Amino acid sequence: MIKMELYEFALSGNCYKVRLMLSLLNLKYESRIVNGPEKEHKSSSFLEMNPFGQVPVFKDNDIVLRDSQAILVYLAKAYGGNDWFPENPFEAAEIVGWLSTAVNEVSRGPSALRAHFILGRPINLEEAQAVTTSLLSVLEKRLSEFQWLATNKITIADIAMYPYIALSHQGNVSLQEYKSVQDWMSRIQNLPGYISMLGLTP
């Protein structure tokens, strides 16, 4: 009997990062596609799982979790041993820093641009483009010196950051001049258990 459930939107990068992590850990789960146009995520039953009315929501038996970053932490700690979220205080802090970047600069930059160009969401276009350019510059410098973002091996920091960077072309952002970022994406795409999503260019 499948004990894990993921409530999700198919086109959400935040939901995809959880799907990707589940696949990398070889964990079986049941996908529950939430009906966005019907506002199912705002229904009373959904709000009981996440009062913010957002996906993803993840269930593992009696455990119910909201927020993709939090779900990544849970999966890493519960099923990833010490590999994906190490116990070392400095390495753990580095990972949390990148998880924060995923909900700050990534959300305000490439994620916002994608939502604008494929969903028509109104944004401050100039600001989102500036945030994206700055973010990609930081990533390029980091990844020109290190293979992975937080430590000397892949962690949930990389999984948290990857989707909206890889989907940035949908926000009219070119990664052509960011060779180290492209190489990092290729390393992730070559991982055993890697899965893609609609709109993501492998």
N, C-alpha and C. Protein backbone atom coordinates (compact mmCIF):
# COMPACT_ATOMS: atom_id res chain seq x y z
N MET A 1 0.85 -1.20 0.00
CA MET A 1 0.00 0.00 0.00
C MET A 1 0.88 1.25 0.00
N ILE A 2 0.62 2.15 -0.94
CA ILE A 2 1.40 3.38 -1.03
C ILE A 2 1.03 4.31 0.11
N LYS A 3 2.03 4.73 0.87
CA LYS A 3 1.75 5.56 2.03
C LYS A 3 2.02 7.03 1.79
N MET A 4 2.75 7.36 0.71
CA MET A 4 3.09 8.75 0.43
C MET A 4 2.19 9.32 -0.65
N GLU A 5 1.80 10.58 -0.46
CA GLU A 5 0.98 11.28 -1.43
C GLU A 5 1.55 12.68 -1.65
N LEU A 6 1.54 13.11 -2.91
CA LEU A 6 1.99 14.46 -3.24
C LEU A 6 0.86 15.19 -3.96
N TYR A 7 0.36 16.23 -3.32
CA TYR A 7 -0.66 17.09 -3.92
C TYR A 7 0.06 18.18 -4.70
N GLU A 8 -0.24 18.28 -6.01
CA GLU A 8 0.62 19.08 -6.86
C GLU A 8 -0.09 19.65 -8.08
N PHE A 9 0.57 20.65 -8.70
CA PHE A 9 0.27 21.11 -10.04
C PHE A 9 1.34 20.54 -10.96
N ALA A 10 0.96 20.08 -12.13
CA ALA A 10 1.93 19.46 -13.04
C ALA A 10 3.00 20.44 -13.49
N LEU A 11 2.65 21.72 -13.66
CA LEU A 11 3.58 22.70 -14.22
C LEU A 11 4.35 23.49 -13.16
N SER A 12 4.15 23.16 -11.91
CA SER A 12 4.83 23.89 -10.84
C SER A 12 6.26 23.39 -10.66
N GLY A 13 7.21 24.31 -10.72
CA GLY A 13 8.59 23.94 -10.46
C GLY A 13 8.81 23.49 -9.03
N ASN A 14 8.07 24.08 -8.10
CA ASN A 14 8.19 23.68 -6.70
C ASN A 14 7.68 22.26 -6.47
N CYS A 15 6.61 21.89 -7.18
CA CYS A 15 6.13 20.51 -7.08
C CYS A 15 7.11 19.56 -7.77
N TYR A 16 7.67 20.02 -8.88
CA TYR A 16 8.63 19.18 -9.61
C TYR A 16 9.85 18.85 -8.76
N LYS A 17 10.34 19.82 -7.98
CA LYS A 17 11.54 19.53 -7.19
C LYS A 17 11.27 18.43 -6.17
N VAL A 18 10.04 18.35 -5.67
CA VAL A 18 9.68 17.27 -4.75
C VAL A 18 9.59 15.95 -5.51
N ARG A 19 8.95 15.97 -6.69
CA ARG A 19 8.90 14.75 -7.52
C ARG A 19 10.30 14.25 -7.85
N LEU A 20 11.18 15.19 -8.19
CA LEU A 20 12.55 14.83 -8.53
C LEU A 20 13.26 14.18 -7.33
N MET A 21 13.09 14.78 -6.17
CA MET A 21 13.74 14.24 -4.97
C MET A 21 13.21 12.84 -4.64
N LEU A 22 11.91 12.66 -4.76
CA LEU A 22 11.31 11.35 -4.52
C LEU A 22 11.89 10.31 -5.48
N SER A 23 12.08 10.70 -6.73
CA SER A 23 12.64 9.78 -7.72
C SER A 23 14.11 9.47 -7.43
N LEU A 24 14.88 10.49 -7.07
CA LEU A 24 16.29 10.28 -6.77
C LEU A 24 16.48 9.36 -5.57
N LEU A 25 15.51 9.41 -4.65
CA LEU A 25 15.55 8.54 -3.47
C LEU A 25 14.85 7.20 -3.71
N ASN A 26 14.29 7.04 -4.92
CA ASN A 26 13.59 5.81 -5.29
C ASN A 26 12.44 5.50 -4.34
N LEU A 27 11.66 6.55 -4.03
CA LEU A 27 10.52 6.41 -3.13
C LEU A 27 9.23 6.38 -3.95
N LYS A 28 8.37 5.46 -3.63
CA LYS A 28 7.08 5.35 -4.32
C LYS A 28 6.05 6.24 -3.63
N TYR A 29 5.23 6.90 -4.43
CA TYR A 29 4.21 7.79 -3.90
C TYR A 29 3.05 7.87 -4.87
N GLU A 30 1.96 8.43 -4.42
CA GLU A 30 0.78 8.65 -5.24
C GLU A 30 0.68 10.14 -5.55
N SER A 31 0.62 10.47 -6.84
CA SER A 31 0.45 11.87 -7.25
C SER A 31 -1.02 12.24 -7.22
N ARG A 32 -1.32 13.35 -6.56
CA ARG A 32 -2.69 13.88 -6.51
C ARG A 32 -2.68 15.23 -7.22
N ILE A 33 -3.11 15.25 -8.46
CA ILE A 33 -3.13 16.50 -9.23
C ILE A 33 -4.27 17.37 -8.72
N VAL A 34 -3.93 18.56 -8.26
CA VAL A 34 -4.91 19.50 -7.71
C VAL A 34 -5.48 20.33 -8.87
N ASN A 35 -6.78 20.50 -8.88
CA ASN A 35 -7.47 21.23 -9.95
C ASN A 35 -7.36 22.73 -9.70
N GLY A 36 -6.37 23.35 -10.35
CA GLY A 36 -6.13 24.78 -10.17
C GLY A 36 -7.27 25.66 -10.66
N PRO A 37 -7.75 25.46 -11.91
CA PRO A 37 -8.84 26.30 -12.42
C PRO A 37 -10.10 26.24 -11.56
N GLU A 38 -10.33 25.09 -10.91
CA GLU A 38 -11.49 24.95 -10.03
C GLU A 38 -11.19 25.41 -8.59
N LYS A 39 -9.96 25.95 -8.38
CA LYS A 39 -9.55 26.45 -7.07
C LYS A 39 -9.63 25.38 -5.98
N GLU A 40 -9.30 24.16 -6.35
CA GLU A 40 -9.33 23.08 -5.37
C GLU A 40 -8.38 23.35 -4.21
N HIS A 41 -7.26 24.04 -4.50
CA HIS A 41 -6.28 24.34 -3.46
C HIS A 41 -6.78 25.38 -2.46
N LYS A 42 -7.94 25.98 -2.74
CA LYS A 42 -8.55 26.93 -1.81
C LYS A 42 -9.76 26.32 -1.10
N SER A 43 -10.03 25.05 -1.37
CA SER A 43 -11.18 24.38 -0.75
C SER A 43 -10.91 24.14 0.73
N SER A 44 -11.97 23.94 1.48
CA SER A 44 -11.81 23.75 2.93
C SER A 44 -11.01 22.50 3.25
N SER A 45 -11.20 21.44 2.46
CA SER A 45 -10.46 20.20 2.73
C SER A 45 -8.96 20.39 2.47
N PHE A 46 -8.63 21.16 1.42
CA PHE A 46 -7.21 21.40 1.14
C PHE A 46 -6.60 22.33 2.18
N LEU A 47 -7.37 23.34 2.59
CA LEU A 47 -6.86 24.30 3.57
C LEU A 47 -6.58 23.65 4.92
N GLU A 48 -7.22 22.52 5.18
CA GLU A 48 -6.91 21.78 6.40
C GLU A 48 -5.48 21.22 6.34
N MET A 49 -5.03 20.90 5.12
CA MET A 49 -3.65 20.39 4.96
C MET A 49 -2.66 21.54 4.88
N ASN A 50 -3.02 22.61 4.19
CA ASN A 50 -2.16 23.78 4.08
C ASN A 50 -3.02 25.04 4.13
N PRO A 51 -3.05 25.71 5.26
CA PRO A 51 -3.91 26.90 5.40
C PRO A 51 -3.54 28.03 4.44
N PHE A 52 -2.37 27.97 3.82
CA PHE A 52 -2.00 28.98 2.84
C PHE A 52 -2.59 28.69 1.46
N GLY A 53 -3.17 27.51 1.30
CA GLY A 53 -3.83 27.18 0.04
C GLY A 53 -2.87 27.09 -1.13
N GLN A 54 -1.71 26.48 -0.89
CA GLN A 54 -0.68 26.36 -1.93
C GLN A 54 -0.20 24.92 -2.06
N VAL A 55 0.25 24.59 -3.26
CA VAL A 55 0.93 23.31 -3.48
C VAL A 55 2.43 23.58 -3.53
N PRO A 56 3.24 22.55 -3.24
CA PRO A 56 2.86 21.18 -2.94
C PRO A 56 2.49 20.96 -1.48
N VAL A 57 1.71 19.90 -1.28
CA VAL A 57 1.50 19.34 0.06
C VAL A 57 1.91 17.88 -0.02
N PHE A 58 2.63 17.43 0.98
CA PHE A 58 3.15 16.07 0.98
C PHE A 58 2.67 15.34 2.22
N LYS A 59 2.19 14.12 2.02
CA LYS A 59 1.74 13.29 3.14
C LYS A 59 2.57 12.01 3.19
N ASP A 60 3.02 11.68 4.38
CA ASP A 60 3.73 10.43 4.63
C ASP A 60 3.09 9.80 5.86
N ASN A 61 2.19 8.86 5.60
CA ASN A 61 1.34 8.32 6.67
C ASN A 61 0.60 9.47 7.36
N ASP A 62 0.86 9.69 8.65
CA ASP A 62 0.13 10.73 9.38
C ASP A 62 0.82 12.09 9.32
N ILE A 63 1.98 12.14 8.69
CA ILE A 63 2.72 13.41 8.59
C ILE A 63 2.22 14.19 7.37
N VAL A 64 1.89 15.45 7.58
CA VAL A 64 1.45 16.32 6.49
C VAL A 64 2.37 17.55 6.47
N LEU A 65 2.97 17.80 5.32
CA LEU A 65 3.93 18.90 5.20
C LEU A 65 3.57 19.81 4.04
N ARG A 66 3.76 21.10 4.23
CA ARG A 66 3.62 22.08 3.17
C ARG A 66 4.99 22.68 2.88
N ASP A 67 5.10 23.35 1.73
CA ASP A 67 6.31 24.07 1.32
C ASP A 67 7.35 23.10 0.77
N SER A 68 7.76 23.35 -0.47
CA SER A 68 8.67 22.42 -1.14
C SER A 68 10.02 22.32 -0.45
N GLN A 69 10.55 23.43 0.06
CA GLN A 69 11.85 23.37 0.75
C GLN A 69 11.75 22.51 2.02
N ALA A 70 10.69 22.70 2.77
CA ALA A 70 10.49 21.90 3.99
C ALA A 70 10.35 20.42 3.65
N ILE A 71 9.66 20.13 2.55
CA ILE A 71 9.49 18.73 2.14
C ILE A 71 10.83 18.12 1.75
N LEU A 72 11.67 18.90 1.05
CA LEU A 72 13.00 18.40 0.71
C LEU A 72 13.81 18.07 1.96
N VAL A 73 13.74 18.94 2.96
CA VAL A 73 14.46 18.69 4.22
C VAL A 73 13.95 17.39 4.85
N TYR A 74 12.65 17.24 4.90
CA TYR A 74 12.07 16.03 5.50
C TYR A 74 12.53 14.77 4.76
N LEU A 75 12.43 14.78 3.44
CA LEU A 75 12.82 13.60 2.66
C LEU A 75 14.30 13.28 2.86
N ALA A 76 15.12 14.33 2.88
CA ALA A 76 16.56 14.13 3.07
C ALA A 76 16.86 13.52 4.43
N LYS A 77 16.23 14.05 5.46
CA LYS A 77 16.51 13.58 6.82
C LYS A 77 15.87 12.22 7.09
N ALA A 78 14.69 11.99 6.53
CA ALA A 78 13.97 10.75 6.82
C ALA A 78 14.45 9.58 5.96
N TYR A 79 14.87 9.86 4.72
CA TYR A 79 15.15 8.77 3.79
C TYR A 79 16.50 8.87 3.09
N GLY A 80 17.25 9.94 3.32
CA GLY A 80 18.50 10.14 2.58
C GLY A 80 19.76 9.92 3.38
N GLY A 81 19.62 9.38 4.58
CA GLY A 81 20.79 9.20 5.43
C GLY A 81 21.44 10.54 5.73
N ASN A 82 22.76 10.61 5.61
CA ASN A 82 23.48 11.86 5.85
C ASN A 82 23.97 12.47 4.54
N ASP A 83 23.42 11.97 3.42
CA ASP A 83 23.94 12.37 2.11
C ASP A 83 23.40 13.71 1.63
N TRP A 84 22.10 13.89 1.72
CA TRP A 84 21.47 15.04 1.09
C TRP A 84 21.38 16.27 1.99
N PHE A 85 21.45 16.04 3.31
CA PHE A 85 21.45 17.13 4.29
C PHE A 85 22.37 16.72 5.43
N PRO A 86 23.68 16.95 5.28
CA PRO A 86 24.66 16.45 6.25
C PRO A 86 24.50 17.07 7.63
N GLU A 87 25.03 16.39 8.64
CA GLU A 87 24.94 16.85 10.02
C GLU A 87 25.92 17.97 10.33
N ASN A 88 26.99 18.07 9.56
CA ASN A 88 28.00 19.10 9.79
C ASN A 88 27.34 20.48 9.85
N PRO A 89 27.52 21.25 10.93
CA PRO A 89 26.81 22.52 11.10
C PRO A 89 27.07 23.52 9.97
N PHE A 90 28.32 23.63 9.54
CA PHE A 90 28.63 24.57 8.46
C PHE A 90 27.96 24.15 7.15
N GLU A 91 28.05 22.87 6.81
CA GLU A 91 27.44 22.39 5.57
C GLU A 91 25.92 22.54 5.62
N ALA A 92 25.34 22.24 6.78
CA ALA A 92 23.89 22.40 6.93
C ALA A 92 23.48 23.86 6.76
N ALA A 93 24.28 24.77 7.33
CA ALA A 93 23.98 26.20 7.19
C ALA A 93 24.11 26.65 5.74
N GLU A 94 25.10 26.14 5.03
CA GLU A 94 25.25 26.46 3.61
C GLU A 94 24.02 26.02 2.82
N ILE A 95 23.53 24.83 3.13
CA ILE A 95 22.33 24.33 2.44
C ILE A 95 21.13 25.22 2.72
N VAL A 96 20.94 25.59 3.99
CA VAL A 96 19.80 26.45 4.35
C VAL A 96 19.90 27.79 3.62
N GLY A 97 21.12 28.29 3.46
CA GLY A 97 21.30 29.53 2.71
C GLY A 97 20.78 29.43 1.30
N TRP A 98 21.04 28.31 0.63
CA TRP A 98 20.55 28.13 -0.73
C TRP A 98 19.04 27.84 -0.76
N LEU A 99 18.51 27.17 0.26
CA LEU A 99 17.06 27.01 0.34
C LEU A 99 16.37 28.37 0.45
N SER A 100 17.00 29.28 1.20
CA SER A 100 16.47 30.64 1.31
C SER A 100 16.56 31.37 -0.02
N THR A 101 17.64 31.15 -0.76
CA THR A 101 17.78 31.75 -2.08
C THR A 101 16.68 31.27 -3.01
N ALA A 102 16.31 30.00 -2.89
CA ALA A 102 15.26 29.43 -3.74
C ALA A 102 13.91 30.11 -3.53
N VAL A 103 13.64 30.55 -2.30
CA VAL A 103 12.36 31.21 -2.03
C VAL A 103 12.46 32.73 -2.10
N ASN A 104 13.66 33.24 -2.29
CA ASN A 104 13.85 34.69 -2.39
C ASN A 104 14.21 35.06 -3.82
N GLU A 105 15.50 35.04 -4.15
CA GLU A 105 15.95 35.49 -5.46
C GLU A 105 15.36 34.66 -6.61
N VAL A 106 15.30 33.35 -6.45
CA VAL A 106 14.73 32.52 -7.52
C VAL A 106 13.25 32.85 -7.71
N SER A 107 12.53 32.99 -6.61
CA SER A 107 11.11 33.29 -6.69
C SER A 107 10.85 34.67 -7.30
N ARG A 108 11.67 35.65 -6.93
CA ARG A 108 11.48 37.01 -7.43
C ARG A 108 12.07 37.22 -8.83
N GLY A 109 12.93 36.27 -9.25
CA GLY A 109 13.60 36.41 -10.53
C GLY A 109 13.06 35.45 -11.58
N PRO A 110 13.76 34.33 -11.85
CA PRO A 110 13.36 33.43 -12.93
C PRO A 110 11.96 32.83 -12.77
N SER A 111 11.56 32.54 -11.55
CA SER A 111 10.21 32.00 -11.34
C SER A 111 9.15 33.04 -11.69
N ALA A 112 9.36 34.29 -11.27
CA ALA A 112 8.41 35.36 -11.59
C ALA A 112 8.34 35.61 -13.09
N LEU A 113 9.48 35.59 -13.76
CA LEU A 113 9.51 35.81 -15.21
C LEU A 113 8.76 34.69 -15.94
N ARG A 114 8.95 33.46 -15.50
CA ARG A 114 8.22 32.34 -16.12
C ARG A 114 6.72 32.49 -15.92
N ALA A 115 6.32 32.85 -14.71
CA ALA A 115 4.89 33.04 -14.44
C ALA A 115 4.32 34.16 -15.30
N HIS A 116 5.11 35.18 -15.55
CA HIS A 116 4.67 36.31 -16.37
C HIS A 116 4.49 35.89 -17.84
N PHE A 117 5.49 35.22 -18.38
CA PHE A 117 5.47 34.94 -19.82
C PHE A 117 4.62 33.73 -20.21
N ILE A 118 4.45 32.75 -19.32
CA ILE A 118 3.63 31.60 -19.70
C ILE A 118 2.24 31.62 -19.06
N LEU A 119 2.08 32.39 -17.98
CA LEU A 119 0.78 32.44 -17.30
C LEU A 119 0.15 33.83 -17.34
N GLY A 120 0.91 34.82 -17.82
CA GLY A 120 0.38 36.17 -17.91
C GLY A 120 0.28 36.88 -16.58
N ARG A 121 1.03 36.43 -15.58
CA ARG A 121 0.96 37.06 -14.26
C ARG A 121 1.64 38.43 -14.29
N PRO A 122 0.98 39.46 -13.79
CA PRO A 122 1.60 40.79 -13.77
C PRO A 122 2.74 40.86 -12.76
N ILE A 123 3.88 41.38 -13.20
CA ILE A 123 5.04 41.52 -12.32
C ILE A 123 5.76 42.82 -12.66
N ASN A 124 6.71 43.20 -11.82
CA ASN A 124 7.63 44.28 -12.16
C ASN A 124 8.72 43.65 -13.02
N LEU A 125 8.57 43.76 -14.33
CA LEU A 125 9.42 43.04 -15.27
C LEU A 125 10.89 43.44 -15.13
N GLU A 126 11.14 44.72 -15.02
CA GLU A 126 12.51 45.21 -14.93
C GLU A 126 13.20 44.68 -13.67
N GLU A 127 12.48 44.71 -12.57
CA GLU A 127 13.05 44.22 -11.31
C GLU A 127 13.33 42.72 -11.39
N ALA A 128 12.38 41.94 -11.93
CA ALA A 128 12.57 40.49 -12.03
C ALA A 128 13.76 40.15 -12.92
N GLN A 129 13.94 40.90 -13.99
CA GLN A 129 15.08 40.66 -14.88
C GLN A 129 16.40 41.01 -14.19
N ALA A 130 16.40 42.08 -13.41
CA ALA A 130 17.62 42.48 -12.69
C ALA A 130 17.97 41.44 -11.62
N VAL A 131 16.98 40.96 -10.90
CA VAL A 131 17.21 39.93 -9.88
C VAL A 131 17.77 38.67 -10.53
N THR A 132 17.21 38.31 -11.68
CA THR A 132 17.65 37.10 -12.38
C THR A 132 19.09 37.23 -12.85
N THR A 133 19.44 38.36 -13.41
CA THR A 133 20.81 38.58 -13.89
C THR A 133 21.80 38.50 -12.74
N SER A 134 21.46 39.12 -11.63
CA SER A 134 22.33 39.08 -10.45
C SER A 134 22.47 37.66 -9.92
N LEU A 135 21.36 36.95 -9.85
CA LEU A 135 21.36 35.56 -9.36
C LEU A 135 22.23 34.68 -10.24
N LEU A 136 22.06 34.78 -11.54
CA LEU A 136 22.83 33.93 -12.45
C LEU A 136 24.32 34.24 -12.37
N SER A 137 24.66 35.49 -12.14
CA SER A 137 26.06 35.85 -11.98
C SER A 137 26.66 35.20 -10.74
N VAL A 138 25.90 35.22 -9.64
CA VAL A 138 26.35 34.57 -8.40
C VAL A 138 26.51 33.07 -8.61
N LEU A 139 25.51 32.46 -9.26
CA LEU A 139 25.57 31.03 -9.51
C LEU A 139 26.75 30.67 -10.40
N GLU A 140 26.97 31.45 -11.44
CA GLU A 140 28.06 31.17 -12.37
C GLU A 140 29.41 31.22 -11.65
N LYS A 141 29.59 32.22 -10.81
CA LYS A 141 30.86 32.33 -10.07
C LYS A 141 31.04 31.14 -9.13
N ARG A 142 30.00 30.81 -8.37
CA ARG A 142 30.07 29.68 -7.44
C ARG A 142 30.37 28.38 -8.17
N LEU A 143 29.65 28.15 -9.28
CA LEU A 143 29.76 26.87 -9.97
C LEU A 143 30.97 26.80 -10.89
N SER A 144 31.64 27.92 -11.08
CA SER A 144 32.92 27.88 -11.79
C SER A 144 34.04 27.40 -10.86
N GLU A 145 33.77 27.44 -9.56
CA GLU A 145 34.76 27.03 -8.56
C GLU A 145 34.42 25.70 -7.89
N PHE A 146 33.14 25.36 -7.86
CA PHE A 146 32.68 24.15 -7.19
C PHE A 146 31.67 23.43 -8.08
N GLN A 147 31.63 22.11 -7.97
CA GLN A 147 30.68 21.34 -8.78
C GLN A 147 29.25 21.47 -8.28
N TRP A 148 29.11 21.64 -6.97
CA TRP A 148 27.78 21.70 -6.36
C TRP A 148 27.66 22.96 -5.52
N LEU A 149 26.45 23.34 -5.17
CA LEU A 149 26.22 24.65 -4.56
C LEU A 149 26.68 24.75 -3.11
N ALA A 150 26.37 23.75 -2.29
CA ALA A 150 26.58 23.91 -0.85
C ALA A 150 27.80 23.18 -0.32
N THR A 151 28.06 21.97 -0.83
CA THR A 151 29.16 21.16 -0.34
C THR A 151 29.90 20.58 -1.53
N ASN A 152 30.79 19.63 -1.28
CA ASN A 152 31.54 19.03 -2.38
C ASN A 152 30.79 17.88 -3.05
N LYS A 153 29.53 17.67 -2.67
CA LYS A 153 28.68 16.70 -3.37
C LYS A 153 27.25 17.25 -3.39
N ILE A 154 26.42 16.64 -4.20
CA ILE A 154 25.07 17.14 -4.37
C ILE A 154 24.28 17.04 -3.06
N THR A 155 23.46 18.06 -2.81
CA THR A 155 22.58 18.08 -1.64
C THR A 155 21.22 18.62 -2.08
N ILE A 156 20.31 18.73 -1.14
CA ILE A 156 19.00 19.30 -1.48
C ILE A 156 19.11 20.78 -1.88
N ALA A 157 20.23 21.42 -1.59
CA ALA A 157 20.43 22.79 -2.07
C ALA A 157 20.35 22.83 -3.59
N ASP A 158 20.99 21.87 -4.25
CA ASP A 158 20.99 21.81 -5.71
C ASP A 158 19.59 21.49 -6.24
N ILE A 159 18.89 20.58 -5.57
CA ILE A 159 17.54 20.21 -6.01
C ILE A 159 16.58 21.38 -5.85
N ALA A 160 16.73 22.14 -4.76
CA ALA A 160 15.86 23.29 -4.52
C ALA A 160 16.06 24.39 -5.57
N MET A 161 17.30 24.58 -5.99
CA MET A 161 17.63 25.65 -6.93
C MET A 161 17.40 25.28 -8.39
N TYR A 162 17.48 24.03 -8.69
CA TYR A 162 17.52 23.58 -10.09
C TYR A 162 16.29 23.91 -10.94
N PRO A 163 15.05 23.61 -10.50
CA PRO A 163 13.93 23.67 -11.43
C PRO A 163 13.74 25.00 -12.15
N TYR A 164 13.67 26.10 -11.41
CA TYR A 164 13.36 27.37 -12.07
C TYR A 164 14.56 27.94 -12.83
N ILE A 165 15.78 27.47 -12.51
CA ILE A 165 16.92 27.82 -13.35
C ILE A 165 16.82 27.07 -14.67
N ALA A 166 16.51 25.77 -14.60
CA ALA A 166 16.38 24.96 -15.80
C ALA A 166 15.18 25.38 -16.65
N LEU A 167 14.18 25.98 -16.03
CA LEU A 167 12.98 26.45 -16.75
C LEU A 167 13.08 27.92 -17.15
N SER A 168 14.24 28.51 -16.94
CA SER A 168 14.35 29.96 -17.14
C SER A 168 14.10 30.41 -18.57
N HIS A 169 14.32 29.49 -19.53
CA HIS A 169 14.03 29.86 -20.93
C HIS A 169 12.56 30.22 -21.12
N GLN A 170 11.68 29.66 -20.27
CA GLN A 170 10.26 30.00 -20.37
C GLN A 170 9.97 31.41 -19.88
N GLY A 171 10.95 32.01 -19.22
CA GLY A 171 10.85 33.40 -18.81
C GLY A 171 11.68 34.31 -19.69
N ASN A 172 12.00 33.81 -20.90
CA ASN A 172 12.80 34.57 -21.87
C ASN A 172 14.19 34.92 -21.34
N VAL A 173 14.77 33.98 -20.58
CA VAL A 173 16.12 34.15 -20.05
C VAL A 173 17.03 33.14 -20.74
N SER A 174 18.12 33.61 -21.31
CA SER A 174 19.08 32.74 -21.96
C SER A 174 20.21 32.40 -20.98
N LEU A 175 20.58 31.14 -20.97
CA LEU A 175 21.70 30.68 -20.13
C LEU A 175 22.98 30.49 -20.95
N GLN A 176 22.96 30.99 -22.17
CA GLN A 176 24.07 30.74 -23.10
C GLN A 176 25.42 31.19 -22.54
N GLU A 177 25.44 32.31 -21.84
CA GLU A 177 26.72 32.83 -21.35
C GLU A 177 27.10 32.28 -19.98
N TYR A 178 26.26 31.40 -19.43
CA TYR A 178 26.51 30.84 -18.10
C TYR A 178 26.91 29.38 -18.23
N LYS A 179 28.13 29.16 -18.69
CA LYS A 179 28.60 27.80 -19.00
C LYS A 179 28.65 26.92 -17.75
N SER A 180 29.10 27.47 -16.64
CA SER A 180 29.19 26.67 -15.41
C SER A 180 27.82 26.27 -14.90
N VAL A 181 26.84 27.16 -15.06
CA VAL A 181 25.47 26.84 -14.68
C VAL A 181 24.93 25.71 -15.58
N GLN A 182 25.22 25.79 -16.86
CA GLN A 182 24.79 24.73 -17.78
C GLN A 182 25.43 23.39 -17.42
N ASP A 183 26.71 23.40 -17.07
CA ASP A 183 27.39 22.16 -16.70
C ASP A 183 26.78 21.57 -15.42
N TRP A 184 26.44 22.44 -14.47
CA TRP A 184 25.80 21.99 -13.22
C TRP A 184 24.44 21.34 -13.52
N MET A 185 23.67 21.97 -14.40
CA MET A 185 22.39 21.39 -14.80
C MET A 185 22.58 20.02 -15.43
N SER A 186 23.60 19.89 -16.26
CA SER A 186 23.87 18.60 -16.90
C SER A 186 24.24 17.53 -15.88
N ARG A 187 24.99 17.92 -14.85
CA ARG A 187 25.34 16.95 -13.81
C ARG A 187 24.09 16.44 -13.10
N ILE A 188 23.16 17.34 -12.84
CA ILE A 188 21.90 16.93 -12.20
C ILE A 188 21.11 16.02 -13.14
N GLN A 189 21.03 16.39 -14.41
CA GLN A 189 20.25 15.62 -15.38
C GLN A 189 20.83 14.24 -15.64
N ASN A 190 22.09 14.04 -15.30
CA ASN A 190 22.74 12.73 -15.49
C ASN A 190 22.71 11.87 -14.23
N LEU A 191 22.06 12.34 -13.18
CA LEU A 191 21.97 11.55 -11.96
C LEU A 191 21.08 10.33 -12.15
N PRO A 192 21.43 9.18 -11.56
CA PRO A 192 20.52 8.03 -11.58
C PRO A 192 19.19 8.40 -10.91
N GLY A 193 18.10 8.10 -11.58
CA GLY A 193 16.79 8.42 -11.02
C GLY A 193 16.27 9.78 -11.43
N TYR A 194 17.06 10.53 -12.22
CA TYR A 194 16.60 11.84 -12.67
C TYR A 194 15.33 11.71 -13.51
N ILE A 195 14.38 12.62 -13.28
CA ILE A 195 13.19 12.73 -14.12
C ILE A 195 13.05 14.18 -14.57
N SER A 196 12.43 14.37 -15.72
CA SER A 196 12.23 15.72 -16.26
C SER A 196 10.80 16.16 -15.99
N MET A 197 10.43 17.30 -16.55
CA MET A 197 9.05 17.77 -16.48
C MET A 197 8.71 18.50 -17.76
N LEU A 198 7.45 18.71 -18.02
CA LEU A 198 7.00 19.39 -19.22
C LEU A 198 7.57 20.79 -19.28
N GLY A 199 8.20 21.12 -20.41
CA GLY A 199 8.75 22.45 -20.60
C GLY A 199 10.21 22.59 -20.22
N LEU A 200 10.76 21.56 -19.58
CA LEU A 200 12.15 21.62 -19.18
C LEU A 200 13.03 21.08 -20.31
N THR A 201 14.01 21.88 -20.70
CA THR A 201 14.91 21.48 -21.77
C THR A 201 16.06 20.68 -21.20
N PRO A 202 16.15 19.37 -21.52
CA PRO A 202 17.26 18.56 -20.99
C PRO A 202 18.58 18.91 -21.65
